[in-house]
């Protein structure tokens, strides 16, 4: 997955958007009470979006949506008006977050065979109507190659088994290469720090806007035990099936980050997908201490988690793209419970008692041939921004 300019790509699934709401019981902090959160029927705020992979909510309930495949950053007001703030047709616009009227976003392009051209990866801010670049991550990754010291792939795979692998699967361990794809951002309350989930560098980057420096915390790789079930699921779409000799072997997968948020505890929360042999149920949520860089897994076994948000109680809401649902991990637990069914939800955001989500985020025609490294844009964009009311009840 690392090395693509749009890491979350596949034929869209035909899953109807339903109003049926699930429920999760939360155990926030040290409270002796438990809570149940449910979601009401979603309202549609905007349609016709082109690959809306990120959403943030700012002042006056204005939502900011990235149309990644269309190279646009769009604002959606409560009135439904959707003026475009940034338009760059040849650049992927993403990584949207907001603070005190400032809007942060990322620009990405190039860097791999499916997307030729120079590597572009910047983090930017719109302040008082003017766009300013905060960091050139492409230049920094080129100079540092942050995960160059990490080896991915099969370790000590017998030569006879390696010889039977399909061409898409690397037979030998390989180091992290030079690539940057800033995919999501989060901004500290003070505005001093901008945290970036870089799906190319496999790292969380910290931009210190006061000192104009950037530091990196490379995510820990994902050891994946290959089972017979995994061999079968991963063989779909390959030039030839994976060999049975892989059963029992371990693949060290790339830890591709897909979203980042700051929790009420001050910790960073990151959704991650494994690169290499990929299975949609191998996603996870990690918690990172921004002061020390220490990492721990909060929840695993998620299906393509591409977006997350936290409420003030510490509940974690997850957009599980190919599961066709938004789930919630109650504070203090590690299990995701379905909350709301949706068509290809890519991102989720919490604003008070409202949940915002982008849906229909990928091309929706499963019959349309699609290069997984360079998704086609549907002739009729059908990306949608929805909002649902959250209800909390004390048990």
Protein backbone atom coordinates (compact mmCIF):
# COMPACT_ATOMS: atom_id res chain seq x y z
CA UNK A 1 0.00 0.00 0.00
CA UNK A 2 2.90 2.33 0.61
CA UNK A 3 3.95 4.20 -2.49
CA UNK A 4 0.52 4.93 -3.89
CA UNK A 5 -0.76 8.46 -4.10
CA UNK A 6 -4.20 7.31 -3.00
CA UNK A 7 -3.74 4.38 -0.61
CA UNK A 8 -7.38 3.42 -0.17
CA UNK A 9 -8.55 2.20 -3.54
CA UNK A 10 -10.77 -0.67 -4.72
CA UNK A 11 -14.03 -1.22 -6.55
CA UNK A 12 -16.87 0.30 -4.56
CA UNK A 13 -19.32 -1.91 -2.71
CA UNK A 14 -23.06 -1.58 -3.26
CA UNK A 15 -24.22 -1.10 0.33
CA UNK A 16 -27.37 0.98 0.90
CA UNK A 17 -27.25 3.83 3.39
CA UNK A 18 -29.59 2.85 6.19
CA UNK A 19 -30.95 4.74 9.17
CA UNK A 20 -30.73 1.72 11.48
CA UNK A 21 -28.58 2.72 14.42
CA UNK A 22 -26.49 0.44 16.56
CA UNK A 23 -25.51 1.18 20.13
CA UNK A 24 -22.39 1.01 22.23
CA UNK A 25 -21.93 1.19 25.96
CA UNK A 26 -19.17 3.54 27.02
CA UNK A 27 -17.12 3.48 30.17
CA UNK A 28 -15.56 6.96 30.15
CA UNK A 29 -12.51 7.47 32.31
CA UNK A 30 -12.99 6.71 35.99
CA UNK A 31 -16.72 7.35 36.01
CA UNK A 32 -18.80 4.76 37.83
CA UNK A 33 -21.59 5.23 35.31
CA UNK A 34 -21.81 3.75 31.85
CA UNK A 35 -23.28 5.39 28.79
CA UNK A 36 -24.97 4.22 25.63
CA UNK A 37 -24.55 6.18 22.41
CA UNK A 38 -26.90 5.82 19.45
CA UNK A 39 -27.09 7.62 16.11
CA UNK A 40 -30.23 8.95 14.47
CA UNK A 41 -31.13 8.91 10.81
CA UNK A 42 -28.48 10.82 8.84
CA UNK A 43 -29.30 14.03 6.97
CA UNK A 44 -27.59 14.69 3.65
CA UNK A 45 -25.63 17.95 3.60
CA UNK A 46 -23.88 17.72 0.22
CA UNK A 47 -23.79 15.40 -2.77
CA UNK A 48 -21.86 15.10 -6.03
CA UNK A 49 -18.47 15.13 -4.30
CA UNK A 50 -15.45 13.57 -6.03
CA UNK A 51 -13.71 11.17 -3.65
CA UNK A 52 -14.49 12.88 -0.32
CA UNK A 53 -11.93 11.14 1.87
CA UNK A 54 -11.60 13.74 4.66
CA UNK A 55 -13.94 16.03 6.60
CA UNK A 56 -13.46 18.55 9.41
CA UNK A 57 -15.98 20.78 11.16
CA UNK A 58 -15.22 24.36 12.14
CA UNK A 59 -16.90 27.56 13.25
CA UNK A 60 -20.60 27.95 12.66
CA UNK A 61 -20.96 24.22 11.94
CA UNK A 62 -19.19 24.73 8.63
CA UNK A 63 -17.81 21.46 7.30
CA UNK A 64 -14.68 21.31 5.18
CA UNK A 65 -14.48 18.36 2.79
CA UNK A 66 -11.56 17.25 0.66
CA UNK A 67 -12.50 16.03 -2.80
CA UNK A 68 -9.30 14.03 -3.11
CA UNK A 69 -9.88 12.67 -6.61
CA UNK A 70 -10.99 16.06 -7.91
CA UNK A 71 -8.22 18.16 -6.38
CA UNK A 72 -10.61 20.38 -4.42
CA UNK A 73 -11.20 21.59 -0.88
CA UNK A 74 -14.84 22.50 -0.35
CA UNK A 75 -16.70 24.17 2.52
CA UNK A 76 -20.27 23.17 3.30
CA UNK A 77 -22.28 25.65 5.37
CA UNK A 78 -25.44 24.93 7.35
CA UNK A 79 -27.40 26.43 4.46
CA UNK A 80 -26.05 23.72 2.16
CA UNK A 81 -23.90 26.12 0.13
CA UNK A 82 -20.61 24.55 -0.89
CA UNK A 83 -18.02 27.10 -2.06
CA UNK A 84 -14.66 25.73 -3.18
CA UNK A 85 -11.63 27.05 -1.30
CA UNK A 86 -8.85 25.29 -3.23
CA UNK A 87 -8.81 23.86 -6.75
CA UNK A 88 -5.81 21.98 -8.17
CA UNK A 89 -7.00 19.37 -10.69
CA UNK A 90 -3.65 17.57 -10.96
CA UNK A 91 -3.04 17.44 -7.19
CA UNK A 92 -4.71 15.31 -4.54
CA UNK A 93 -6.14 17.59 -1.86
CA UNK A 94 -6.72 15.91 1.52
CA UNK A 95 -5.76 15.85 5.17
CA UNK A 96 -8.32 18.44 6.27
CA UNK A 97 -8.55 19.80 9.82
CA UNK A 98 -9.56 23.14 11.30
CA UNK A 99 -8.88 25.33 14.31
CA UNK A 100 -10.19 28.81 15.21
CA UNK A 101 -11.17 29.60 11.64
CA UNK A 102 -7.93 28.28 10.16
CA UNK A 103 -8.19 25.38 7.71
CA UNK A 104 -5.32 22.93 7.30
CA UNK A 105 -4.95 20.62 4.29
CA UNK A 106 -2.43 18.52 2.42
CA UNK A 107 -1.31 18.33 -1.23
CA UNK A 108 0.01 15.10 -2.78
CA UNK A 109 1.08 13.84 -6.20
CA UNK A 110 3.59 11.56 -7.90
CA UNK A 111 6.10 9.32 -6.26
CA UNK A 112 5.23 5.91 -7.75
CA UNK A 113 4.81 4.15 -11.13
CA UNK A 114 1.04 4.50 -11.06
CA UNK A 115 1.33 8.25 -10.61
CA UNK A 116 4.39 9.47 -12.54
CA UNK A 117 5.85 12.89 -12.02
CA UNK A 118 7.75 14.60 -9.24
CA UNK A 119 6.88 13.79 -5.66
CA UNK A 120 4.61 16.46 -4.16
CA UNK A 121 3.72 16.39 -0.47
CA UNK A 122 2.99 19.57 1.46
CA UNK A 123 1.03 20.65 4.51
CA UNK A 124 -0.72 24.00 4.21
CA UNK A 125 -2.98 26.35 6.13
CA UNK A 126 -5.62 28.83 5.00
CA UNK A 127 -5.60 31.81 7.34
CA UNK A 128 -7.59 34.97 6.65
CA UNK A 129 -8.21 33.77 3.13
CA UNK A 130 -4.54 33.26 2.28
CA UNK A 131 -2.82 29.89 1.72
CA UNK A 132 0.57 29.32 3.33
CA UNK A 133 2.74 26.20 3.18
CA UNK A 134 3.82 24.90 6.59
CA UNK A 135 6.12 22.07 5.49
CA UNK A 136 7.45 20.44 2.34
CA UNK A 137 7.25 16.78 3.35
CA UNK A 138 8.43 15.55 -0.04
CA UNK A 139 11.75 17.32 0.46
CA UNK A 140 12.04 16.08 4.03
CA UNK A 141 11.27 12.47 3.09
CA UNK A 142 13.73 12.61 0.22
CA UNK A 143 16.43 13.83 2.58
CA UNK A 144 15.60 11.49 5.49
CA UNK A 145 13.60 8.47 4.23
CA UNK A 146 12.17 8.11 7.72
CA UNK A 147 11.48 4.35 7.65
CA UNK A 148 14.65 3.38 5.75
CA UNK A 149 15.80 1.41 8.81
CA UNK A 150 12.66 -0.73 8.92
CA UNK A 151 12.47 -4.01 7.01
CA UNK A 152 9.15 -5.23 5.65
CA UNK A 153 8.07 -8.47 4.00
CA UNK A 154 8.64 -12.16 4.67
CA UNK A 155 11.49 -13.11 6.98
CA UNK A 156 13.47 -16.29 6.34
CA UNK A 157 10.99 -17.57 3.78
CA UNK A 158 12.23 -20.86 2.27
CA UNK A 159 13.57 -20.40 -1.25
CA UNK A 160 11.23 -23.04 -2.65
CA UNK A 161 8.21 -21.14 -1.31
CA UNK A 162 9.55 -17.74 -2.38
CA UNK A 163 9.95 -19.03 -5.92
CA UNK A 164 6.24 -19.84 -6.06
CA UNK A 165 5.02 -16.37 -5.07
CA UNK A 166 3.03 -14.28 -7.56
CA UNK A 167 4.95 -11.31 -8.99
CA UNK A 168 2.97 -8.81 -6.88
CA UNK A 169 4.43 -10.18 -3.64
CA UNK A 170 8.07 -9.39 -2.73
CA UNK A 171 9.88 -12.67 -1.90
CA UNK A 172 12.53 -11.08 0.30
CA UNK A 173 12.50 -8.43 3.04
CA UNK A 174 12.72 -4.87 1.76
CA UNK A 175 13.44 -1.53 3.45
CA UNK A 176 11.16 1.47 3.52
CA UNK A 177 11.59 3.52 0.38
CA UNK A 178 11.38 7.23 -0.28
CA UNK A 179 7.77 8.29 -0.45
CA UNK A 180 5.47 10.75 1.25
CA UNK A 181 1.71 10.86 1.16
CA UNK A 182 0.32 13.11 3.91
CA UNK A 183 -3.15 11.69 4.34
CA UNK A 184 -4.58 13.28 7.49
CA UNK A 185 -3.78 16.08 9.93
CA UNK A 186 -4.64 17.10 13.48
CA UNK A 187 -3.88 20.45 15.11
CA UNK A 188 -3.14 21.04 18.79
CA UNK A 189 -5.38 23.43 20.74
CA UNK A 190 -2.60 26.00 20.86
CA UNK A 191 -2.01 25.72 17.13
CA UNK A 192 1.70 25.21 17.68
CA UNK A 193 1.78 21.56 16.60
CA UNK A 194 0.33 20.06 13.44
CA UNK A 195 0.38 16.27 13.44
CA UNK A 196 0.41 14.47 10.10
CA UNK A 197 -0.42 10.86 9.28
CA UNK A 198 1.91 10.15 6.36
CA UNK A 199 0.77 7.05 4.46
CA UNK A 200 3.89 7.10 2.31
CA UNK A 201 6.50 7.48 5.03
CA UNK A 202 4.61 5.11 7.38
CA UNK A 203 5.06 7.69 10.09
CA UNK A 204 3.39 10.34 12.21
CA UNK A 205 5.10 13.69 11.63
CA UNK A 206 5.00 16.63 14.02
CA UNK A 207 5.29 20.12 12.58
CA UNK A 208 6.32 22.66 15.20
CA UNK A 209 5.03 25.92 13.74
CA UNK A 210 6.92 27.96 16.31
CA UNK A 211 10.38 26.55 15.59
CA UNK A 212 9.61 25.60 11.97
CA UNK A 213 10.91 22.07 12.53
CA UNK A 214 9.50 18.64 11.69
CA UNK A 215 10.06 15.45 13.66
CA UNK A 216 8.96 11.92 12.80
CA UNK A 217 7.75 8.88 14.74
CA UNK A 218 7.87 5.84 12.47
CA UNK A 219 4.99 3.48 13.19
CA UNK A 220 5.84 -0.02 14.33
CA UNK A 221 5.39 -2.61 11.56
CA UNK A 222 2.57 -5.14 11.67
CA UNK A 223 3.58 -8.82 12.06
CA UNK A 224 0.88 -10.81 10.28
CA UNK A 225 0.64 -14.58 10.73
CA UNK A 226 -0.40 -16.11 7.42
CA UNK A 227 -3.30 -18.54 7.82
CA UNK A 228 -5.08 -20.69 5.25
CA UNK A 229 -8.01 -18.27 5.36
CA UNK A 230 -5.69 -15.34 4.75
CA UNK A 231 -4.03 -17.11 1.81
CA UNK A 232 -7.45 -17.60 0.23
CA UNK A 233 -8.63 -14.02 0.78
CA UNK A 234 -5.38 -12.43 -0.35
CA UNK A 235 -5.25 -14.52 -3.53
CA UNK A 236 -8.27 -12.73 -4.95
CA UNK A 237 -7.19 -10.48 -7.80
CA UNK A 238 -3.60 -11.73 -7.96
CA UNK A 239 -2.02 -12.99 -11.18
CA UNK A 240 -1.81 -16.40 -9.54
CA UNK A 241 -2.95 -17.65 -6.10
CA UNK A 242 -0.66 -17.50 -3.12
CA UNK A 243 1.00 -20.86 -2.43
CA UNK A 244 -0.09 -22.98 0.53
CA UNK A 245 3.50 -23.05 1.78
CA UNK A 246 2.92 -19.56 3.19
CA UNK A 247 0.61 -20.92 5.90
CA UNK A 248 2.39 -20.48 9.22
CA UNK A 249 4.81 -17.86 7.90
CA UNK A 250 4.88 -14.28 9.17
CA UNK A 251 4.75 -11.23 6.97
CA UNK A 252 6.03 -7.95 8.42
CA UNK A 253 3.56 -5.48 6.94
CA UNK A 254 3.90 -1.74 6.51
CA UNK A 255 1.86 0.22 9.09
CA UNK A 256 0.06 2.63 6.75
CA UNK A 257 -1.65 5.42 8.77
CA UNK A 258 -5.01 6.60 7.44
CA UNK A 259 -6.21 9.16 10.00
CA UNK A 260 -5.05 10.97 13.12
CA UNK A 261 -6.88 12.75 15.93
CA UNK A 262 -6.05 14.24 19.31
CA UNK A 263 -8.03 12.61 22.09
CA UNK A 264 -9.43 14.29 25.22
CA UNK A 265 -6.51 12.71 27.08
CA UNK A 266 -4.00 14.57 24.91
CA UNK A 267 -2.84 11.38 23.19
CA UNK A 268 -2.75 10.89 19.43
CA UNK A 269 -5.08 8.28 17.97
CA UNK A 270 -4.21 6.81 14.58
CA UNK A 271 -6.03 4.38 12.31
CA UNK A 272 -3.72 2.08 10.40
CA UNK A 273 -3.88 -0.48 7.60
CA UNK A 274 -1.19 -3.06 6.83
CA UNK A 275 0.70 -2.73 3.58
CA UNK A 276 1.99 -5.71 1.61
CA UNK A 277 -0.34 -8.71 1.59
CA UNK A 278 -3.50 -6.91 2.66
CA UNK A 279 -6.65 -8.21 4.24
CA UNK A 280 -9.50 -5.80 4.99
CA UNK A 281 -9.89 -7.08 8.56
CA UNK A 282 -6.32 -6.31 9.68
CA UNK A 283 -6.86 -2.63 10.48
CA UNK A 284 -6.19 -1.15 13.90
CA UNK A 285 -6.32 1.95 16.08
CA UNK A 286 -3.11 3.00 17.79
CA UNK A 287 -2.53 5.44 20.62
CA UNK A 288 0.69 7.48 20.53
CA UNK A 289 2.12 9.68 23.25
CA UNK A 290 3.14 12.86 21.38
CA UNK A 291 5.74 13.68 24.03
CA UNK A 292 7.57 10.33 24.02
CA UNK A 293 6.49 8.65 20.78
CA UNK A 294 5.51 5.46 22.62
CA UNK A 295 2.83 3.46 20.83
CA UNK A 296 0.18 0.95 21.80
CA UNK A 297 -2.64 -0.79 19.97
CA UNK A 298 -6.08 0.22 21.25
CA UNK A 299 -8.15 -2.02 19.00
CA UNK A 300 -7.49 -4.41 16.11
CA UNK A 301 -9.43 -6.58 13.69
CA UNK A 302 -11.06 -3.55 12.04
CA UNK A 303 -12.18 -3.63 8.41
CA UNK A 304 -10.37 -0.94 6.42
CA UNK A 305 -10.51 1.79 9.08
CA UNK A 306 -9.90 4.98 7.11
CA UNK A 307 -11.26 7.64 9.44
CA UNK A 308 -11.70 8.18 13.16
CA UNK A 309 -12.97 10.78 15.60
CA UNK A 310 -13.28 11.01 19.37
CA UNK A 311 -15.93 12.65 21.52
CA UNK A 312 -15.24 14.34 24.85
CA UNK A 313 -16.00 11.09 26.71
CA UNK A 314 -13.21 9.28 24.88
CA UNK A 315 -15.43 7.14 22.65
CA UNK A 316 -13.73 6.40 19.33
CA UNK A 317 -15.82 6.48 16.16
CA UNK A 318 -14.42 4.58 13.17
CA UNK A 319 -15.29 4.71 9.47
CA UNK A 320 -14.81 1.11 8.27
CA UNK A 321 -14.72 1.70 4.54
CA UNK A 322 -15.30 -1.75 3.04
CA UNK A 323 -17.45 -2.98 5.93
CA UNK A 324 -20.07 -0.40 4.97
CA UNK A 325 -20.45 0.93 8.48
CA UNK A 326 -19.41 3.44 11.11
CA UNK A 327 -18.51 1.78 14.39
CA UNK A 328 -17.78 3.01 17.90
CA UNK A 329 -15.19 1.78 20.37
CA UNK A 330 -16.50 2.69 23.81
CA UNK A 331 -14.03 4.50 26.06
CA UNK A 332 -12.04 2.02 28.10
CA UNK A 333 -12.77 -0.91 25.76
CA UNK A 334 -11.08 -2.41 22.71
CA UNK A 335 -14.05 -3.74 20.75
CA UNK A 336 -15.71 -1.93 17.85
CA UNK A 337 -19.52 -2.07 17.82
CA UNK A 338 -21.54 -1.14 14.70
CA UNK A 339 -23.26 2.24 15.08
CA UNK A 340 -24.49 3.24 11.63
CA UNK A 341 -24.59 1.54 8.24
CA UNK A 342 -23.26 3.56 5.32
CA UNK A 343 -22.06 3.26 1.75
CA UNK A 344 -18.25 3.33 1.66
CA UNK A 345 -17.70 5.71 4.58
CA UNK A 346 -14.21 7.22 4.34
CA UNK A 347 -14.11 9.66 7.25
CA UNK A 348 -15.99 10.63 10.36
CA UNK A 349 -15.95 13.73 12.57
CA UNK A 350 -17.65 14.59 15.85
CA UNK A 351 -18.92 18.10 16.57
CA UNK A 352 -20.78 18.21 19.88
CA UNK A 353 -23.71 15.83 19.55
CA UNK A 354 -23.41 15.52 15.79
CA UNK A 355 -21.55 12.94 13.76
CA UNK A 356 -20.41 13.98 10.28
CA UNK A 357 -19.33 11.39 7.73
CA UNK A 358 -18.28 11.24 4.10
CA UNK A 359 -19.86 8.35 2.20
CA UNK A 360 -19.84 6.98 -1.35
CA UNK A 361 -16.19 7.95 -1.21
CA UNK A 362 -14.93 5.71 -4.02
CA UNK A 363 -16.06 4.96 -7.59
CA UNK A 364 -19.32 3.07 -7.22
CA UNK A 365 -19.45 0.88 -10.34
CA UNK A 366 -17.98 -2.52 -9.38
CA UNK A 367 -17.92 -3.48 -13.06
CA UNK A 368 -15.70 -0.53 -13.98
CA UNK A 369 -12.08 -1.69 -14.50
CA UNK A 370 -9.88 0.01 -11.96
CA UNK A 371 -6.13 0.22 -11.62
CA UNK A 372 -5.68 -0.19 -7.84
CA UNK A 373 -2.77 2.23 -7.98
CA UNK A 374 -4.72 4.96 -9.80
CA UNK A 375 -8.49 4.98 -9.22
CA UNK A 376 -10.77 6.19 -11.96
CA UNK A 377 -13.18 9.00 -11.18
CA UNK A 378 -16.81 8.16 -11.93
CA UNK A 379 -18.48 10.19 -14.69
CA UNK A 380 -21.15 11.22 -12.19
CA UNK A 381 -19.49 11.97 -8.83
CA UNK A 382 -21.63 10.57 -6.05
CA UNK A 383 -19.65 11.35 -2.91
CA UNK A 384 -21.84 12.50 -0.06
CA UNK A 385 -21.52 14.37 3.23
CA UNK A 386 -24.04 13.33 5.89
CA UNK A 387 -24.74 14.32 9.49
CA UNK A 388 -26.42 12.28 12.22
CA UNK A 389 -27.49 13.30 15.73
CA UNK A 390 -25.91 11.35 18.58
CA UNK A 391 -27.90 10.48 21.70
CA UNK A 392 -26.21 9.62 24.98
CA UNK A 393 -28.09 7.89 27.76
CA UNK A 394 -26.73 7.04 31.20
CA UNK A 395 -27.21 3.46 32.33
